[in-house]
Amino acid sequence: MEMDHGVDIAELDAERAGLESGLASVDALVRTAPATARRGQILTGADFARQGLPGERLDTVFEQLADMFAALPAVISDGRVWTYRELDSRANQFARLLVKRGVRPGHRVGLILDRSAETYVALLAVMKAGAAFVPLATAFPEERMALIIEDASVSLIVTIAAYASRAGQLPVPHLLIDSTAAEISKQSDAPLKPHAKAASSDDTCYILYTSGTTGKP
């Protein structure tokens, strides 16, 4: 996945078919891992494609990918190549910080982010903490964000310093993923399983609000 900046996280709505057919597939991994390792190149959709199985969670599926394709590129952002292992480890660290900040299974976490590696870290971390993510487009006016936050029962906003002032006007606390980089790095990068019994494949993964004609989400 090669990233460019300035594209709104709300565009995940248009890309969710690719997300679901890519990250949410593991059946072909055992068959393709040796061949992919020999190729030594970025994985393609053909390396993953299959229907998801009952009982699978997207975050645990990604952990399987990270174990199997650890040294292969997962995200290219700002000239840096993130391997699957690095992306998964960073998500584990951020998930631990989210839990320390009170995020629990069933919670909803709003994301005000540009497209970047940090966005993928945040998405995975929220799921690893057992919560659901709620994309909030950076172009949304404050009123619309507030309506979504109330309607989705968002308890925390994850954003970056560039949007700190906007996040500060919203009715819930916010956490800056870039400004807390040092604190994130202090957390263990081991898989986070604090709520294994509470986490379920039936849990909500994300909540998307599309633009409507009523003026409300």
N, C-alpha and C. Protein backbone atom coordinates (compact mmCIF):
# COMPACT_ATOMS: atom_id res chain seq x y z
N MET A 1 0.84 -1.19 0.00
CA MET A 1 0.00 0.00 0.00
C MET A 1 0.88 1.24 0.00
N GLU A 2 0.86 2.00 -1.05
CA GLU A 2 1.66 3.22 -1.12
C GLU A 2 0.77 4.40 -0.82
N MET A 3 1.22 5.26 0.08
CA MET A 3 0.38 6.33 0.60
C MET A 3 0.77 7.67 0.00
N ASP A 4 -0.21 8.51 -0.21
CA ASP A 4 0.05 9.91 -0.47
C ASP A 4 -0.81 10.71 0.49
N HIS A 5 -0.42 11.96 0.72
CA HIS A 5 -1.08 12.77 1.74
C HIS A 5 -2.17 13.65 1.14
N GLY A 6 -3.01 14.20 2.03
CA GLY A 6 -4.02 15.14 1.61
C GLY A 6 -5.32 14.49 1.20
N VAL A 7 -5.42 13.18 1.30
CA VAL A 7 -6.66 12.50 0.97
C VAL A 7 -7.39 12.20 2.26
N ASP A 8 -8.66 12.54 2.31
CA ASP A 8 -9.41 12.44 3.54
C ASP A 8 -9.65 11.01 3.97
N ILE A 9 -9.61 10.79 5.30
CA ILE A 9 -9.86 9.45 5.80
C ILE A 9 -11.27 8.98 5.48
N ALA A 10 -12.17 9.93 5.23
CA ALA A 10 -13.54 9.54 4.88
C ALA A 10 -13.58 8.76 3.57
N GLU A 11 -12.51 8.84 2.78
CA GLU A 11 -12.48 8.08 1.53
C GLU A 11 -12.37 6.59 1.79
N LEU A 12 -12.18 6.20 3.04
CA LEU A 12 -12.21 4.78 3.37
C LEU A 12 -13.54 4.16 2.96
N ASP A 13 -14.59 4.98 2.95
CA ASP A 13 -15.91 4.47 2.54
C ASP A 13 -15.84 3.92 1.13
N ALA A 14 -15.17 4.65 0.24
CA ALA A 14 -15.09 4.22 -1.15
C ALA A 14 -14.12 3.07 -1.34
N GLU A 15 -13.19 2.91 -0.38
CA GLU A 15 -12.16 1.90 -0.53
C GLU A 15 -12.43 0.66 0.32
N ARG A 16 -13.55 0.62 1.04
CA ARG A 16 -13.73 -0.45 2.00
C ARG A 16 -13.83 -1.82 1.34
N ALA A 17 -14.29 -1.86 0.08
CA ALA A 17 -14.34 -3.16 -0.60
C ALA A 17 -12.94 -3.73 -0.74
N GLY A 18 -11.99 -2.87 -1.10
CA GLY A 18 -10.61 -3.33 -1.20
C GLY A 18 -10.04 -3.70 0.14
N LEU A 19 -10.39 -2.92 1.17
CA LEU A 19 -9.91 -3.20 2.52
C LEU A 19 -10.41 -4.55 2.99
N GLU A 20 -11.71 -4.80 2.76
CA GLU A 20 -12.30 -6.04 3.25
C GLU A 20 -11.78 -7.24 2.49
N SER A 21 -11.53 -7.10 1.20
CA SER A 21 -11.04 -8.24 0.42
C SER A 21 -9.54 -8.41 0.54
N GLY A 22 -8.85 -7.36 1.04
CA GLY A 22 -7.41 -7.47 1.21
C GLY A 22 -7.02 -7.91 2.59
N LEU A 23 -7.16 -7.01 3.58
CA LEU A 23 -6.73 -7.32 4.93
C LEU A 23 -7.55 -8.43 5.56
N ALA A 24 -8.80 -8.60 5.14
CA ALA A 24 -9.66 -9.58 5.79
C ALA A 24 -9.57 -10.96 5.18
N SER A 25 -8.50 -11.29 4.49
CA SER A 25 -8.40 -12.61 3.89
C SER A 25 -7.10 -13.29 4.27
N VAL A 26 -7.19 -14.56 4.67
CA VAL A 26 -6.00 -15.28 5.12
C VAL A 26 -5.88 -16.68 4.55
N ASP A 27 -6.89 -17.20 3.93
CA ASP A 27 -6.90 -18.60 3.51
C ASP A 27 -5.75 -18.94 2.57
N ALA A 28 -5.40 -17.98 1.69
CA ALA A 28 -4.37 -18.27 0.70
C ALA A 28 -2.96 -18.04 1.23
N LEU A 29 -2.83 -17.60 2.47
CA LEU A 29 -1.51 -17.24 2.99
C LEU A 29 -0.55 -18.42 3.01
N VAL A 30 -1.01 -19.55 3.52
CA VAL A 30 -0.13 -20.71 3.63
C VAL A 30 0.35 -21.15 2.26
N ARG A 31 -0.53 -21.08 1.28
CA ARG A 31 -0.18 -21.52 -0.07
C ARG A 31 0.77 -20.54 -0.75
N THR A 32 0.60 -19.24 -0.48
CA THR A 32 1.35 -18.23 -1.23
C THR A 32 2.60 -17.75 -0.53
N ALA A 33 2.73 -17.99 0.77
CA ALA A 33 3.86 -17.44 1.53
C ALA A 33 5.21 -17.80 0.92
N PRO A 34 5.51 -19.08 0.64
CA PRO A 34 6.83 -19.41 0.09
C PRO A 34 7.09 -18.71 -1.23
N ALA A 35 6.10 -18.71 -2.13
CA ALA A 35 6.29 -18.08 -3.44
C ALA A 35 6.49 -16.58 -3.30
N THR A 36 5.72 -15.97 -2.39
CA THR A 36 5.83 -14.53 -2.19
C THR A 36 7.20 -14.17 -1.63
N ALA A 37 7.67 -14.97 -0.68
CA ALA A 37 8.98 -14.72 -0.09
C ALA A 37 10.06 -14.80 -1.16
N ARG A 38 9.91 -15.74 -2.10
CA ARG A 38 10.90 -15.87 -3.16
C ARG A 38 10.85 -14.66 -4.09
N ARG A 39 9.63 -14.17 -4.34
CA ARG A 39 9.52 -13.01 -5.23
C ARG A 39 10.16 -11.78 -4.61
N GLY A 40 10.06 -11.66 -3.28
CA GLY A 40 10.65 -10.52 -2.59
C GLY A 40 10.04 -9.20 -3.00
N GLN A 41 8.74 -9.17 -3.26
CA GLN A 41 8.11 -7.93 -3.70
C GLN A 41 6.88 -7.64 -2.85
N ILE A 42 6.30 -6.47 -3.08
CA ILE A 42 5.11 -6.09 -2.33
C ILE A 42 3.97 -7.04 -2.67
N LEU A 43 3.21 -7.41 -1.66
CA LEU A 43 2.11 -8.34 -1.86
C LEU A 43 1.02 -7.71 -2.71
N THR A 44 0.34 -8.55 -3.46
CA THR A 44 -0.79 -8.09 -4.26
C THR A 44 -2.06 -8.70 -3.72
N GLY A 45 -3.20 -8.23 -4.24
CA GLY A 45 -4.47 -8.76 -3.78
C GLY A 45 -4.58 -10.26 -3.96
N ALA A 46 -3.91 -10.79 -4.99
CA ALA A 46 -3.97 -12.23 -5.24
C ALA A 46 -3.33 -13.03 -4.12
N ASP A 47 -2.45 -12.41 -3.35
CA ASP A 47 -1.81 -13.11 -2.24
C ASP A 47 -2.77 -13.33 -1.09
N PHE A 48 -3.88 -12.59 -1.04
CA PHE A 48 -4.79 -12.67 0.08
C PHE A 48 -6.18 -13.21 -0.27
N ALA A 49 -6.57 -13.05 -1.54
CA ALA A 49 -7.99 -13.13 -1.88
C ALA A 49 -8.67 -14.42 -1.45
N ARG A 50 -9.70 -14.25 -0.65
CA ARG A 50 -10.66 -15.29 -0.29
C ARG A 50 -11.70 -14.69 0.62
N GLN A 51 -12.80 -15.37 0.82
CA GLN A 51 -13.84 -14.90 1.71
C GLN A 51 -13.39 -15.08 3.16
N GLY A 52 -13.79 -14.14 4.02
CA GLY A 52 -13.48 -14.26 5.43
C GLY A 52 -14.20 -15.44 6.06
N LEU A 53 -13.63 -15.96 7.13
CA LEU A 53 -14.22 -17.08 7.84
C LEU A 53 -14.97 -16.60 9.07
N PRO A 54 -16.01 -17.30 9.49
CA PRO A 54 -16.72 -16.94 10.72
C PRO A 54 -15.75 -16.94 11.90
N GLY A 55 -15.90 -15.96 12.76
CA GLY A 55 -15.06 -15.90 13.95
C GLY A 55 -13.76 -15.14 13.78
N GLU A 56 -13.48 -14.65 12.56
CA GLU A 56 -12.25 -13.91 12.34
C GLU A 56 -12.45 -12.42 12.62
N ARG A 57 -11.45 -11.82 13.26
CA ARG A 57 -11.42 -10.38 13.48
C ARG A 57 -10.35 -9.79 12.58
N LEU A 58 -10.60 -8.58 12.08
CA LEU A 58 -9.66 -7.96 11.16
C LEU A 58 -8.29 -7.75 11.80
N ASP A 59 -8.26 -7.36 13.08
CA ASP A 59 -6.98 -7.12 13.72
C ASP A 59 -6.18 -8.41 13.88
N THR A 60 -6.83 -9.52 14.20
CA THR A 60 -6.10 -10.78 14.34
C THR A 60 -5.68 -11.32 12.98
N VAL A 61 -6.48 -11.05 11.95
CA VAL A 61 -6.09 -11.43 10.60
C VAL A 61 -4.80 -10.70 10.21
N PHE A 62 -4.75 -9.40 10.53
CA PHE A 62 -3.54 -8.64 10.20
C PHE A 62 -2.34 -9.17 10.97
N GLU A 63 -2.54 -9.58 12.21
CA GLU A 63 -1.44 -10.15 12.99
C GLU A 63 -0.90 -11.41 12.31
N GLN A 64 -1.78 -12.20 11.72
CA GLN A 64 -1.34 -13.38 10.98
C GLN A 64 -0.52 -12.98 9.76
N LEU A 65 -0.96 -11.92 9.08
CA LEU A 65 -0.19 -11.41 7.95
C LEU A 65 1.18 -10.93 8.41
N ALA A 66 1.21 -10.24 9.53
CA ALA A 66 2.47 -9.69 10.05
C ALA A 66 3.44 -10.80 10.42
N ASP A 67 2.92 -11.91 10.93
CA ASP A 67 3.78 -13.05 11.26
C ASP A 67 4.31 -13.72 10.00
N MET A 68 3.46 -13.83 9.00
CA MET A 68 3.83 -14.59 7.80
C MET A 68 4.67 -13.78 6.82
N PHE A 69 4.40 -12.48 6.74
CA PHE A 69 5.11 -11.63 5.79
C PHE A 69 5.88 -10.52 6.51
N ALA A 70 6.47 -10.86 7.64
CA ALA A 70 7.04 -9.87 8.56
C ALA A 70 7.96 -8.85 7.91
N ALA A 71 8.84 -9.29 7.04
CA ALA A 71 9.86 -8.40 6.50
C ALA A 71 9.46 -7.74 5.19
N LEU A 72 8.28 -8.04 4.69
CA LEU A 72 7.84 -7.46 3.43
C LEU A 72 7.19 -6.08 3.64
N PRO A 73 7.25 -5.20 2.64
CA PRO A 73 6.67 -3.87 2.78
C PRO A 73 5.15 -3.92 2.93
N ALA A 74 4.63 -3.17 3.89
CA ALA A 74 3.19 -3.06 4.10
C ALA A 74 2.68 -1.69 3.68
N VAL A 75 3.41 -0.63 4.08
CA VAL A 75 3.02 0.75 3.78
C VAL A 75 4.26 1.56 3.41
N ILE A 76 4.14 2.40 2.41
CA ILE A 76 5.19 3.35 2.06
C ILE A 76 4.63 4.74 2.27
N SER A 77 5.21 5.49 3.20
CA SER A 77 4.68 6.81 3.54
C SER A 77 5.82 7.76 3.83
N ASP A 78 5.78 8.93 3.21
CA ASP A 78 6.83 9.94 3.41
C ASP A 78 8.22 9.38 3.14
N GLY A 79 8.32 8.51 2.16
CA GLY A 79 9.61 7.96 1.79
C GLY A 79 10.09 6.83 2.67
N ARG A 80 9.32 6.49 3.71
CA ARG A 80 9.71 5.40 4.60
C ARG A 80 8.90 4.15 4.27
N VAL A 81 9.58 3.02 4.27
CA VAL A 81 8.92 1.74 4.05
C VAL A 81 8.67 1.08 5.40
N TRP A 82 7.41 0.81 5.69
CA TRP A 82 7.02 0.10 6.91
C TRP A 82 6.78 -1.36 6.56
N THR A 83 7.48 -2.26 7.23
CA THR A 83 7.22 -3.68 7.02
C THR A 83 5.97 -4.08 7.80
N TYR A 84 5.46 -5.26 7.51
CA TYR A 84 4.30 -5.75 8.25
C TYR A 84 4.62 -5.86 9.74
N ARG A 85 5.84 -6.32 10.06
CA ARG A 85 6.22 -6.44 11.47
C ARG A 85 6.24 -5.08 12.15
N GLU A 86 6.83 -4.08 11.49
CA GLU A 86 6.92 -2.75 12.08
C GLU A 86 5.54 -2.13 12.28
N LEU A 87 4.68 -2.28 11.30
CA LEU A 87 3.33 -1.70 11.40
C LEU A 87 2.55 -2.36 12.53
N ASP A 88 2.64 -3.68 12.63
CA ASP A 88 1.93 -4.40 13.67
C ASP A 88 2.48 -4.05 15.05
N SER A 89 3.80 -3.96 15.18
CA SER A 89 4.42 -3.63 16.46
C SER A 89 4.01 -2.24 16.93
N ARG A 90 4.02 -1.27 15.99
CA ARG A 90 3.64 0.09 16.36
C ARG A 90 2.17 0.15 16.75
N ALA A 91 1.33 -0.61 16.06
CA ALA A 91 -0.09 -0.65 16.41
C ALA A 91 -0.29 -1.26 17.79
N ASN A 92 0.49 -2.27 18.13
CA ASN A 92 0.41 -2.86 19.47
C ASN A 92 0.77 -1.82 20.53
N GLN A 93 1.82 -1.05 20.27
CA GLN A 93 2.23 -0.02 21.23
C GLN A 93 1.15 1.04 21.40
N PHE A 94 0.59 1.49 20.29
CA PHE A 94 -0.44 2.53 20.39
C PHE A 94 -1.70 1.98 21.04
N ALA A 95 -2.02 0.72 20.78
CA ALA A 95 -3.20 0.11 21.41
C ALA A 95 -3.04 0.11 22.93
N ARG A 96 -1.84 -0.17 23.40
CA ARG A 96 -1.60 -0.17 24.85
C ARG A 96 -1.80 1.23 25.44
N LEU A 97 -1.37 2.24 24.69
CA LEU A 97 -1.57 3.61 25.17
C LEU A 97 -3.06 3.96 25.17
N LEU A 98 -3.78 3.52 24.16
CA LEU A 98 -5.23 3.78 24.12
C LEU A 98 -5.92 3.16 25.33
N VAL A 99 -5.53 1.93 25.66
CA VAL A 99 -6.12 1.26 26.83
C VAL A 99 -5.80 2.05 28.10
N LYS A 100 -4.56 2.54 28.20
CA LYS A 100 -4.19 3.35 29.37
C LYS A 100 -5.01 4.63 29.44
N ARG A 101 -5.44 5.12 28.29
CA ARG A 101 -6.26 6.33 28.25
C ARG A 101 -7.76 6.03 28.37
N GLY A 102 -8.09 4.78 28.67
CA GLY A 102 -9.47 4.45 28.98
C GLY A 102 -10.28 3.77 27.90
N VAL A 103 -9.68 3.49 26.75
CA VAL A 103 -10.42 2.83 25.66
C VAL A 103 -10.67 1.37 26.03
N ARG A 104 -11.92 0.94 25.86
CA ARG A 104 -12.32 -0.42 26.22
C ARG A 104 -13.14 -1.03 25.08
N PRO A 105 -13.31 -2.37 25.09
CA PRO A 105 -14.14 -3.01 24.07
C PRO A 105 -15.53 -2.39 24.02
N GLY A 106 -16.01 -2.15 22.83
CA GLY A 106 -17.32 -1.53 22.65
C GLY A 106 -17.28 -0.03 22.53
N HIS A 107 -16.15 0.60 22.89
CA HIS A 107 -16.03 2.05 22.75
C HIS A 107 -15.90 2.42 21.27
N ARG A 108 -16.18 3.68 20.98
CA ARG A 108 -16.01 4.21 19.62
C ARG A 108 -14.98 5.32 19.67
N VAL A 109 -13.99 5.24 18.79
CA VAL A 109 -12.90 6.21 18.74
C VAL A 109 -12.94 6.95 17.41
N GLY A 110 -13.07 8.27 17.46
CA GLY A 110 -13.08 9.07 16.25
C GLY A 110 -11.68 9.30 15.72
N LEU A 111 -11.53 9.32 14.41
CA LEU A 111 -10.23 9.55 13.78
C LEU A 111 -10.29 10.76 12.87
N ILE A 112 -9.49 11.77 13.18
CA ILE A 112 -9.34 12.94 12.30
C ILE A 112 -7.91 12.90 11.80
N LEU A 113 -7.69 12.26 10.67
CA LEU A 113 -6.34 12.00 10.18
C LEU A 113 -6.28 12.15 8.67
N ASP A 114 -5.09 12.55 8.18
CA ASP A 114 -4.82 12.50 6.76
C ASP A 114 -4.37 11.08 6.42
N ARG A 115 -4.25 10.79 5.15
CA ARG A 115 -3.77 9.47 4.76
C ARG A 115 -2.27 9.39 5.00
N SER A 116 -1.87 8.46 5.86
CA SER A 116 -0.47 8.29 6.22
C SER A 116 -0.31 6.95 6.91
N ALA A 117 0.93 6.60 7.22
CA ALA A 117 1.17 5.37 7.97
C ALA A 117 0.52 5.45 9.34
N GLU A 118 0.49 6.65 9.92
CA GLU A 118 -0.14 6.82 11.23
C GLU A 118 -1.61 6.45 11.20
N THR A 119 -2.26 6.67 10.06
CA THR A 119 -3.67 6.29 9.94
C THR A 119 -3.83 4.79 10.08
N TYR A 120 -2.97 4.02 9.42
CA TYR A 120 -3.05 2.57 9.53
C TYR A 120 -2.72 2.10 10.94
N VAL A 121 -1.74 2.75 11.56
CA VAL A 121 -1.42 2.42 12.95
C VAL A 121 -2.64 2.65 13.84
N ALA A 122 -3.30 3.79 13.65
CA ALA A 122 -4.47 4.12 14.47
C ALA A 122 -5.61 3.14 14.25
N LEU A 123 -5.90 2.81 12.98
CA LEU A 123 -6.99 1.88 12.68
C LEU A 123 -6.76 0.54 13.38
N LEU A 124 -5.55 0.01 13.23
CA LEU A 124 -5.23 -1.28 13.83
C LEU A 124 -5.25 -1.21 15.35
N ALA A 125 -4.70 -0.12 15.90
CA ALA A 125 -4.62 0.01 17.35
C ALA A 125 -6.00 0.07 17.99
N VAL A 126 -6.91 0.81 17.38
CA VAL A 126 -8.27 0.90 17.91
C VAL A 126 -8.92 -0.48 17.94
N MET A 127 -8.75 -1.24 16.86
CA MET A 127 -9.33 -2.58 16.81
C MET A 127 -8.67 -3.51 17.82
N LYS A 128 -7.35 -3.41 17.96
CA LYS A 128 -6.64 -4.25 18.92
C LYS A 128 -7.09 -3.96 20.35
N ALA A 129 -7.51 -2.72 20.61
CA ALA A 129 -8.02 -2.36 21.93
C ALA A 129 -9.47 -2.81 22.12
N GLY A 130 -10.06 -3.37 21.06
CA GLY A 130 -11.43 -3.88 21.15
C GLY A 130 -12.49 -2.86 20.81
N ALA A 131 -12.07 -1.68 20.35
CA ALA A 131 -13.02 -0.61 20.05
C ALA A 131 -13.30 -0.54 18.55
N ALA A 132 -14.18 0.37 18.16
CA ALA A 132 -14.51 0.61 16.75
C ALA A 132 -14.04 2.01 16.38
N PHE A 133 -13.55 2.17 15.14
CA PHE A 133 -13.12 3.51 14.73
C PHE A 133 -14.21 4.19 13.91
N VAL A 134 -14.26 5.52 14.06
CA VAL A 134 -15.26 6.34 13.36
C VAL A 134 -14.51 7.43 12.59
N PRO A 135 -14.34 7.28 11.28
CA PRO A 135 -13.64 8.30 10.50
C PRO A 135 -14.39 9.63 10.49
N LEU A 136 -13.66 10.71 10.73
CA LEU A 136 -14.22 12.06 10.68
C LEU A 136 -13.41 12.85 9.65
N ALA A 137 -14.03 13.21 8.56
CA ALA A 137 -13.32 13.90 7.48
C ALA A 137 -12.78 15.23 7.96
N THR A 138 -11.55 15.52 7.59
CA THR A 138 -10.94 16.79 8.00
C THR A 138 -11.68 17.98 7.41
N ALA A 139 -12.41 17.76 6.33
CA ALA A 139 -13.16 18.85 5.69
C ALA A 139 -14.50 19.10 6.36
N PHE A 140 -14.92 18.21 7.26
CA PHE A 140 -16.21 18.40 7.92
C PHE A 140 -16.20 19.66 8.78
N PRO A 141 -17.28 20.43 8.79
CA PRO A 141 -17.39 21.54 9.74
C PRO A 141 -17.55 20.99 11.15
N GLU A 142 -17.26 21.84 12.12
CA GLU A 142 -17.33 21.42 13.52
C GLU A 142 -18.70 20.87 13.90
N GLU A 143 -19.75 21.50 13.38
CA GLU A 143 -21.11 21.07 13.72
C GLU A 143 -21.37 19.63 13.27
N ARG A 144 -20.92 19.30 12.07
CA ARG A 144 -21.14 17.94 11.57
C ARG A 144 -20.33 16.93 12.38
N MET A 145 -19.10 17.28 12.71
CA MET A 145 -18.30 16.38 13.54
C MET A 145 -18.98 16.13 14.88
N ALA A 146 -19.49 17.21 15.48
CA ALA A 146 -20.15 17.08 16.78
C ALA A 146 -21.39 16.19 16.69
N LEU A 147 -22.14 16.30 15.60
CA LEU A 147 -23.32 15.46 15.41
C LEU A 147 -22.94 13.98 15.32
N ILE A 148 -21.88 13.70 14.57
CA ILE A 148 -21.43 12.32 14.42
C ILE A 148 -20.92 11.78 15.75
N ILE A 149 -20.16 12.59 16.46
CA ILE A 149 -19.63 12.18 17.76
C ILE A 149 -20.75 11.82 18.72
N GLU A 150 -21.79 12.63 18.73
CA GLU A 150 -22.93 12.35 19.61
C GLU A 150 -23.69 11.11 19.15
N ASP A 151 -23.95 11.02 17.85
CA ASP A 151 -24.76 9.92 17.33
C ASP A 151 -24.05 8.58 17.48
N ALA A 152 -22.73 8.56 17.29
CA ALA A 152 -21.96 7.32 17.38
C ALA A 152 -21.43 7.04 18.78
N SER A 153 -21.69 7.94 19.71
CA SER A 153 -21.20 7.80 21.09
C SER A 153 -19.68 7.68 21.14
N VAL A 154 -19.01 8.54 20.38
CA VAL A 154 -17.54 8.57 20.38
C VAL A 154 -17.04 9.06 21.73
N SER A 155 -16.05 8.35 22.29
CA SER A 155 -15.54 8.71 23.61
C SER A 155 -14.15 9.35 23.56
N LEU A 156 -13.46 9.22 22.42
CA LEU A 156 -12.11 9.76 22.28
C LEU A 156 -11.84 10.05 20.81
N ILE A 157 -11.07 11.12 20.56
CA ILE A 157 -10.65 11.46 19.21
C ILE A 157 -9.15 11.22 19.09
N VAL A 158 -8.73 10.54 18.04
CA VAL A 158 -7.31 10.41 17.72
C VAL A 158 -7.04 11.29 16.51
N THR A 159 -6.06 12.16 16.62
CA THR A 159 -5.75 13.08 15.53
C THR A 159 -4.26 13.41 15.56
N ILE A 160 -3.86 14.42 14.80
CA ILE A 160 -2.48 14.87 14.76
C ILE A 160 -2.42 16.34 15.15
N ALA A 161 -1.21 16.83 15.41
CA ALA A 161 -1.04 18.19 15.90
C ALA A 161 -1.65 19.23 14.96
N ALA A 162 -1.63 18.96 13.67
CA ALA A 162 -2.17 19.91 12.69
C ALA A 162 -3.65 20.18 12.91
N TYR A 163 -4.35 19.23 13.52
CA TYR A 163 -5.79 19.38 13.75
C TYR A 163 -6.13 19.50 15.23
N ALA A 164 -5.13 19.79 16.05
CA ALA A 164 -5.34 19.87 17.50
C ALA A 164 -6.35 20.94 17.88
N SER A 165 -6.26 22.10 17.23
CA SER A 165 -7.18 23.19 17.59
C SER A 165 -8.62 22.82 17.26
N ARG A 166 -8.83 22.15 16.14
CA ARG A 166 -10.18 21.72 15.78
C ARG A 166 -10.69 20.66 16.75
N ALA A 167 -9.82 19.71 17.08
CA ALA A 167 -10.22 18.66 18.01
C ALA A 167 -10.56 19.23 19.38
N GLY A 168 -9.85 20.31 19.74
CA GLY A 168 -10.10 20.93 21.03
C GLY A 168 -11.47 21.57 21.15
N GLN A 169 -12.13 21.82 20.02
CA GLN A 169 -13.46 22.41 20.04
C GLN A 169 -14.57 21.36 20.13
N LEU A 170 -14.19 20.10 20.06
CA LEU A 170 -15.18 19.02 20.07
C LEU A 170 -15.47 18.57 21.49
N PRO A 171 -16.63 17.95 21.72
CA PRO A 171 -17.09 17.66 23.08
C PRO A 171 -16.49 16.42 23.75
N VAL A 172 -15.40 15.86 23.19
CA VAL A 172 -14.75 14.70 23.81
C VAL A 172 -13.24 14.93 23.84
N PRO A 173 -12.52 14.22 24.70
CA PRO A 173 -11.06 14.36 24.75
C PRO A 173 -10.42 13.91 23.43
N HIS A 174 -9.19 14.40 23.20
CA HIS A 174 -8.47 13.96 22.01
C HIS A 174 -7.04 13.58 22.36
N LEU A 175 -6.45 12.74 21.51
CA LEU A 175 -5.09 12.24 21.69
C LEU A 175 -4.34 12.46 20.38
N LEU A 176 -3.17 13.09 20.46
CA LEU A 176 -2.38 13.38 19.27
C LEU A 176 -1.38 12.25 19.03
N ILE A 177 -1.58 11.50 17.96
CA ILE A 177 -0.74 10.33 17.72
C ILE A 177 0.69 10.72 17.37
N ASP A 178 0.89 11.88 16.75
CA ASP A 178 2.25 12.29 16.42
C ASP A 178 2.97 12.92 17.61
N SER A 179 2.27 13.72 18.38
CA SER A 179 2.90 14.38 19.53
C SER A 179 3.20 13.43 20.68
N THR A 180 2.54 12.29 20.70
CA THR A 180 2.77 11.30 21.76
C THR A 180 3.66 10.16 21.27
N ALA A 181 4.41 10.40 20.18
CA ALA A 181 5.25 9.34 19.60
C ALA A 181 6.23 8.76 20.61
N ALA A 182 6.84 9.62 21.43
CA ALA A 182 7.80 9.13 22.42
C ALA A 182 7.12 8.25 23.46
N GLU A 183 5.92 8.66 23.89
CA GLU A 183 5.18 7.86 24.87
C GLU A 183 4.74 6.54 24.27
N ILE A 184 4.34 6.56 23.01
CA ILE A 184 3.95 5.32 22.33
C ILE A 184 5.13 4.36 22.28
N SER A 185 6.31 4.89 21.98
CA SER A 185 7.51 4.05 21.85
C SER A 185 7.89 3.36 23.15
N LYS A 186 7.45 3.91 24.28
CA LYS A 186 7.77 3.32 25.58
C LYS A 186 6.91 2.10 25.89
N GLN A 187 5.83 1.92 25.15
CA GLN A 187 4.92 0.81 25.42
C GLN A 187 5.49 -0.49 24.83
N SER A 188 5.09 -1.59 25.39
CA SER A 188 5.48 -2.90 24.86
C SER A 188 4.87 -3.09 23.47
N ASP A 189 5.64 -3.73 22.58
CA ASP A 189 5.10 -4.00 21.25
C ASP A 189 4.57 -5.43 21.13
N ALA A 190 4.43 -6.10 22.27
CA ALA A 190 3.86 -7.45 22.27
C ALA A 190 2.37 -7.37 21.96
N PRO A 191 1.80 -8.41 21.37
CA PRO A 191 0.36 -8.40 21.09
C PRO A 191 -0.45 -8.10 22.34
N LEU A 192 -1.44 -7.27 22.19
CA LEU A 192 -2.27 -6.83 23.31
C LEU A 192 -3.50 -7.72 23.42
N LYS A 193 -3.61 -8.45 24.51
CA LYS A 193 -4.77 -9.33 24.70
C LYS A 193 -5.39 -9.10 26.08
N PRO A 194 -5.69 -7.85 26.44
CA PRO A 194 -6.22 -7.61 27.79
C PRO A 194 -7.69 -7.97 27.94
N HIS A 195 -8.39 -8.04 26.82
CA HIS A 195 -9.83 -8.27 26.89
C HIS A 195 -10.21 -9.42 25.97
N ALA A 196 -9.38 -10.49 25.97
CA ALA A 196 -9.60 -11.58 25.03
C ALA A 196 -11.00 -12.16 25.13
N LYS A 197 -11.52 -12.26 26.35
CA LYS A 197 -12.85 -12.85 26.51
C LYS A 197 -13.95 -11.90 26.05
N ALA A 198 -13.64 -10.60 26.13
CA ALA A 198 -14.66 -9.61 25.75
C ALA A 198 -14.68 -9.36 24.25
N ALA A 199 -13.51 -9.49 23.59
CA ALA A 199 -13.43 -9.22 22.16
C ALA A 199 -14.10 -10.34 21.38
N SER A 200 -14.90 -9.98 20.40
CA SER A 200 -15.66 -10.96 19.63
C SER A 200 -15.64 -10.58 18.16
N SER A 201 -15.77 -11.59 17.31
CA SER A 201 -15.84 -11.32 15.88
C SER A 201 -17.13 -10.59 15.52
N ASP A 202 -18.08 -10.58 16.44
CA ASP A 202 -19.35 -9.87 16.21
C ASP A 202 -19.27 -8.40 16.60
N ASP A 203 -18.14 -7.98 17.18
CA ASP A 203 -17.97 -6.58 17.58
C ASP A 203 -17.98 -5.68 16.35
N THR A 204 -18.41 -4.44 16.55
CA THR A 204 -18.36 -3.45 15.48
C THR A 204 -16.92 -3.10 15.18
N CYS A 205 -16.56 -3.08 13.90
CA CYS A 205 -15.20 -2.74 13.49
C CYS A 205 -15.08 -1.23 13.24
N TYR A 206 -16.00 -0.68 12.48
CA TYR A 206 -15.98 0.76 12.21
C TYR A 206 -17.39 1.24 11.92
N ILE A 207 -17.58 2.55 12.02
CA ILE A 207 -18.86 3.19 11.72
C ILE A 207 -18.59 4.30 10.72
N LEU A 208 -19.24 4.23 9.57
CA LEU A 208 -19.04 5.23 8.52
C LEU A 208 -20.30 6.05 8.32
N TYR A 209 -20.15 7.35 8.23
CA TYR A 209 -21.26 8.25 7.93
C TYR A 209 -21.06 8.82 6.53
N THR A 210 -22.00 8.54 5.65
CA THR A 210 -21.93 9.08 4.30
C THR A 210 -22.71 10.38 4.23
N SER A 211 -22.42 11.18 3.22
CA SER A 211 -23.14 12.44 3.07
C SER A 211 -24.57 12.16 2.64
N GLY A 212 -25.53 12.83 3.26
CA GLY A 212 -26.93 12.63 2.93
C GLY A 212 -27.58 13.91 2.47
N THR A 213 -28.85 13.86 2.21
CA THR A 213 -29.57 15.04 1.73
C THR A 213 -30.33 15.74 2.85
N THR A 214 -30.32 15.15 4.04
CA THR A 214 -31.10 15.72 5.14
C THR A 214 -30.33 16.79 5.89
N GLY A 215 -29.03 16.85 5.65
CA GLY A 215 -28.21 17.81 6.40
C GLY A 215 -27.68 17.22 7.68
N LYS A 216 -28.11 16.01 8.04
CA LYS A 216 -27.62 15.34 9.24
C LYS A 216 -26.99 14.02 8.84
N PRO A 217 -26.02 13.54 9.65
CA PRO A 217 -25.38 12.25 9.33
C PRO A 217 -26.40 11.12 9.31
